Amino acid sequence: MSRERTATLVHEGGMRFVATTGTTRTIIYGDDHASNELSPVETLVVSLGACSAMDVISIATKKRQRISRYRVHVQGTQRDEYPQILTHVVVTHEVEGPMVEVAAIRRSIELSALKYCPVNAMLSAGATEIRHRFVVRNIGAEAFEAEGEAAVTGPFRRPDVIP
C-alpha cells in the first residue's frame, strides 16, 4: 500500500510562497525571518528531527522508559556550491528521566535511523551523511549521564541495507 502526499504552493510576491498540504496544513516559505517565513532546507532539517523524535519517543515508551524531558538538536552543514545540498547532519537526542537506560535509548535511535524514519532514509540515500547521537541523563536514585553515537547513515547508502 502506498500513500500519496500532496501540496499546492501559491506565490504571494517576492520569495514568499504559501504551501497548503493535502491534509490542509499551511506552511509559509520565504526569506523574511521577521514574518516567520521558512527556508525549504531549514524545514528539511526540522523534518528530520521531528521524524526521528516521533519514532524515538514512541519506541522508548514501549520500552518502558520514564522520560521527563526530551529535546532533539539538529545541526546541518549545507555546502556553498550549487545545488546547496546538506552534506552532513548531526541529530542529537537529549533524554532525561528518573528511569532511562542507555541501551534502550540507543536502540530506539538505531531503529528510527535504520528502519523507521523516511526522512532519514531519503537523505541518507543521497549525498548526506547523518550522525545520530544521544545524551542520556538518569535523574533517579542512581543518577548518571552518558553520551555517544547510536548510528551513522549515508551518504549514498540506503538505511534498510546497512548492516
Protein backbone atom coordinates (compact mmCIF):
# COMPACT_ATOMS: atom_id res chain seq x y z
CA MET A 1 0.00 0.00 0.00
CA SER A 2 1.28 3.48 -0.77
CA ARG A 3 0.27 6.89 0.49
CA GLU A 4 0.05 9.93 -1.69
CA ARG A 5 1.32 13.22 -0.26
CA THR A 6 0.32 16.43 -2.00
CA ALA A 7 0.88 20.15 -1.68
CA THR A 8 -0.07 23.28 -3.57
CA LEU A 9 2.15 26.35 -3.41
CA VAL A 10 0.81 29.81 -4.22
CA HIS A 11 3.20 32.68 -4.99
CA GLU A 12 2.38 35.79 -2.97
CA GLY A 13 5.15 38.03 -4.28
CA GLY A 14 8.89 38.24 -3.84
CA MET A 15 10.19 34.95 -2.46
CA ARG A 16 7.00 34.24 -0.46
CA PHE A 17 5.06 31.05 -1.19
CA VAL A 18 2.19 29.68 0.85
CA ALA A 19 2.03 25.90 0.76
CA THR A 20 -1.13 24.02 1.62
CA THR A 21 -0.79 20.29 2.11
CA GLY A 22 -3.31 17.66 1.12
CA THR A 23 -4.30 17.49 4.79
CA THR A 24 -4.95 21.28 4.72
CA ARG A 25 -1.93 22.27 6.84
CA THR A 26 -0.21 25.51 5.85
CA ILE A 27 3.49 26.37 5.68
CA ILE A 28 4.82 29.77 4.58
CA TYR A 29 8.14 29.72 2.73
CA GLY A 30 10.28 32.74 2.01
CA ASP A 31 13.26 34.76 3.14
CA ASP A 32 11.58 37.20 5.55
CA HIS A 33 12.55 35.98 9.03
CA ALA A 34 10.52 38.72 10.73
CA SER A 35 7.35 37.32 9.12
CA ASN A 36 8.25 33.79 10.26
CA GLU A 37 8.75 32.60 6.70
CA LEU A 38 10.68 29.35 6.48
CA SER A 39 13.56 28.16 4.32
CA PRO A 40 12.96 24.89 2.44
CA VAL A 41 16.29 23.49 3.68
CA GLU A 42 15.58 24.54 7.27
CA THR A 43 12.26 22.75 7.13
CA LEU A 44 14.04 19.64 5.84
CA VAL A 45 16.37 19.74 8.87
CA VAL A 46 13.37 20.23 11.16
CA SER A 47 11.52 17.40 9.43
CA LEU A 48 14.44 15.04 10.01
CA GLY A 49 14.48 15.93 13.71
CA ALA A 50 10.72 15.62 14.07
CA CYS A 51 10.56 12.31 12.20
CA SER A 52 13.29 10.80 14.34
CA ALA A 53 11.93 12.26 17.59
CA MET A 54 8.45 10.86 16.97
CA ASP A 55 9.92 7.40 16.35
CA VAL A 56 12.24 7.53 19.35
CA ILE A 57 9.64 8.68 21.87
CA SER A 58 7.22 6.02 20.65
CA ILE A 59 9.79 3.20 20.80
CA ALA A 60 11.27 4.35 24.13
CA THR A 61 7.81 4.50 25.69
CA LYS A 62 7.15 0.93 24.54
CA LYS A 63 10.46 0.00 26.19
CA ARG A 64 9.03 1.42 29.44
CA GLN A 65 11.42 4.35 29.63
CA ARG A 66 10.21 7.07 32.00
CA ILE A 67 11.20 10.26 30.23
CA SER A 68 10.58 13.63 31.87
CA ARG A 69 12.44 15.79 29.33
CA TYR A 70 13.29 15.13 25.71
CA ARG A 71 14.96 17.53 23.28
CA VAL A 72 16.34 16.94 19.82
CA HIS A 73 19.07 19.16 18.40
CA VAL A 74 19.73 19.04 14.66
CA GLN A 75 22.73 20.69 13.05
CA GLY A 76 23.16 20.52 9.29
CA THR A 77 26.02 21.65 7.09
CA GLN A 78 24.96 22.99 3.71
CA ARG A 79 27.60 23.41 1.04
CA ASP A 80 28.11 26.76 -0.71
CA GLU A 81 28.20 25.31 -4.25
CA TYR A 82 25.01 24.69 -6.20
CA PRO A 83 22.98 22.69 -5.62
CA GLN A 84 23.41 23.72 -2.00
CA ILE A 85 22.78 20.28 -0.51
CA LEU A 86 23.13 19.20 3.08
CA THR A 87 26.41 17.29 3.25
CA HIS A 88 26.46 16.42 6.97
CA VAL A 89 23.80 16.41 9.66
CA VAL A 90 24.12 15.60 13.36
CA VAL A 91 20.93 14.68 15.21
CA THR A 92 21.43 14.65 18.98
CA HIS A 93 18.73 13.22 21.22
CA GLU A 94 18.89 14.61 24.76
CA VAL A 95 16.84 12.34 27.02
CA GLU A 96 16.32 12.82 30.74
CA GLY A 97 14.23 10.95 33.25
CA PRO A 98 14.06 9.07 36.53
CA MET A 99 14.28 5.73 34.76
CA VAL A 100 16.11 5.86 31.44
CA GLU A 101 18.55 3.25 30.20
CA VAL A 102 21.32 3.99 27.72
CA ALA A 103 20.80 0.71 25.85
CA ALA A 104 17.06 1.34 25.42
CA ILE A 105 17.55 4.89 24.18
CA ARG A 106 20.41 3.89 21.85
CA ARG A 107 18.28 1.09 20.37
CA SER A 108 15.29 3.44 19.92
CA ILE A 109 17.51 5.84 17.96
CA GLU A 110 19.03 3.00 15.90
CA LEU A 111 15.58 1.71 14.95
CA SER A 112 14.49 5.17 13.88
CA ALA A 113 17.66 5.77 11.86
CA LEU A 114 17.94 2.35 10.25
CA LYS A 115 14.33 1.29 9.84
CA TYR A 116 11.50 3.70 10.52
CA CYS A 117 12.24 7.36 9.68
CA PRO A 118 11.51 8.01 5.98
CA VAL A 119 13.12 11.46 6.06
CA ASN A 120 16.38 9.90 7.26
CA ALA A 121 16.13 7.19 4.60
CA MET A 122 15.67 9.71 1.79
CA LEU A 123 18.51 11.97 2.90
CA SER A 124 20.86 9.04 3.57
CA ALA A 125 20.23 7.57 0.13
CA GLY A 126 21.65 10.79 -1.32
CA ALA A 127 24.79 12.75 -0.57
CA THR A 128 24.05 13.42 3.11
CA GLU A 129 25.83 11.73 6.00
CA ILE A 130 23.71 11.68 9.14
CA ARG A 131 25.14 11.01 12.60
CA HIS A 132 22.64 10.04 15.29
CA ARG A 133 23.91 10.87 18.77
CA PHE A 134 22.46 10.75 22.27
CA VAL A 135 22.88 12.28 25.70
CA VAL A 136 21.10 10.28 28.41
CA ARG A 137 20.61 11.68 31.90
CA ASN A 138 19.14 9.39 34.51
CA ILE A 139 17.95 11.58 37.37
CA GLY A 140 16.70 8.69 39.50
CA ALA A 141 18.24 7.13 42.61
CA GLU A 142 21.32 6.04 40.67
CA ALA A 143 21.88 9.21 38.67
CA PHE A 144 24.28 9.23 35.74
CA GLU A 145 24.93 10.89 32.39
CA ALA A 146 26.12 9.12 29.25
CA GLU A 147 26.59 10.17 25.67
CA GLY A 148 27.59 8.55 22.42
CA GLU A 149 26.72 7.74 18.84
CA ALA A 150 23.87 5.38 18.04
CA ALA A 151 24.09 5.16 14.22
CA VAL A 152 25.56 6.73 11.10
CA THR A 153 23.64 6.65 7.82
CA GLY A 154 24.51 7.79 4.30
CA PRO A 155 25.92 9.09 2.14
CA PHE A 156 24.62 7.13 -0.84
CA ARG A 157 23.64 4.20 1.38
CA ARG A 158 20.11 3.07 1.91
CA PRO A 159 19.47 2.63 5.65
CA ASP A 160 17.44 -0.54 5.08
CA VAL A 161 20.53 -2.35 3.82
CA ILE A 162 23.11 -1.01 6.28
CA PRO A 163 24.36 -3.89 8.45
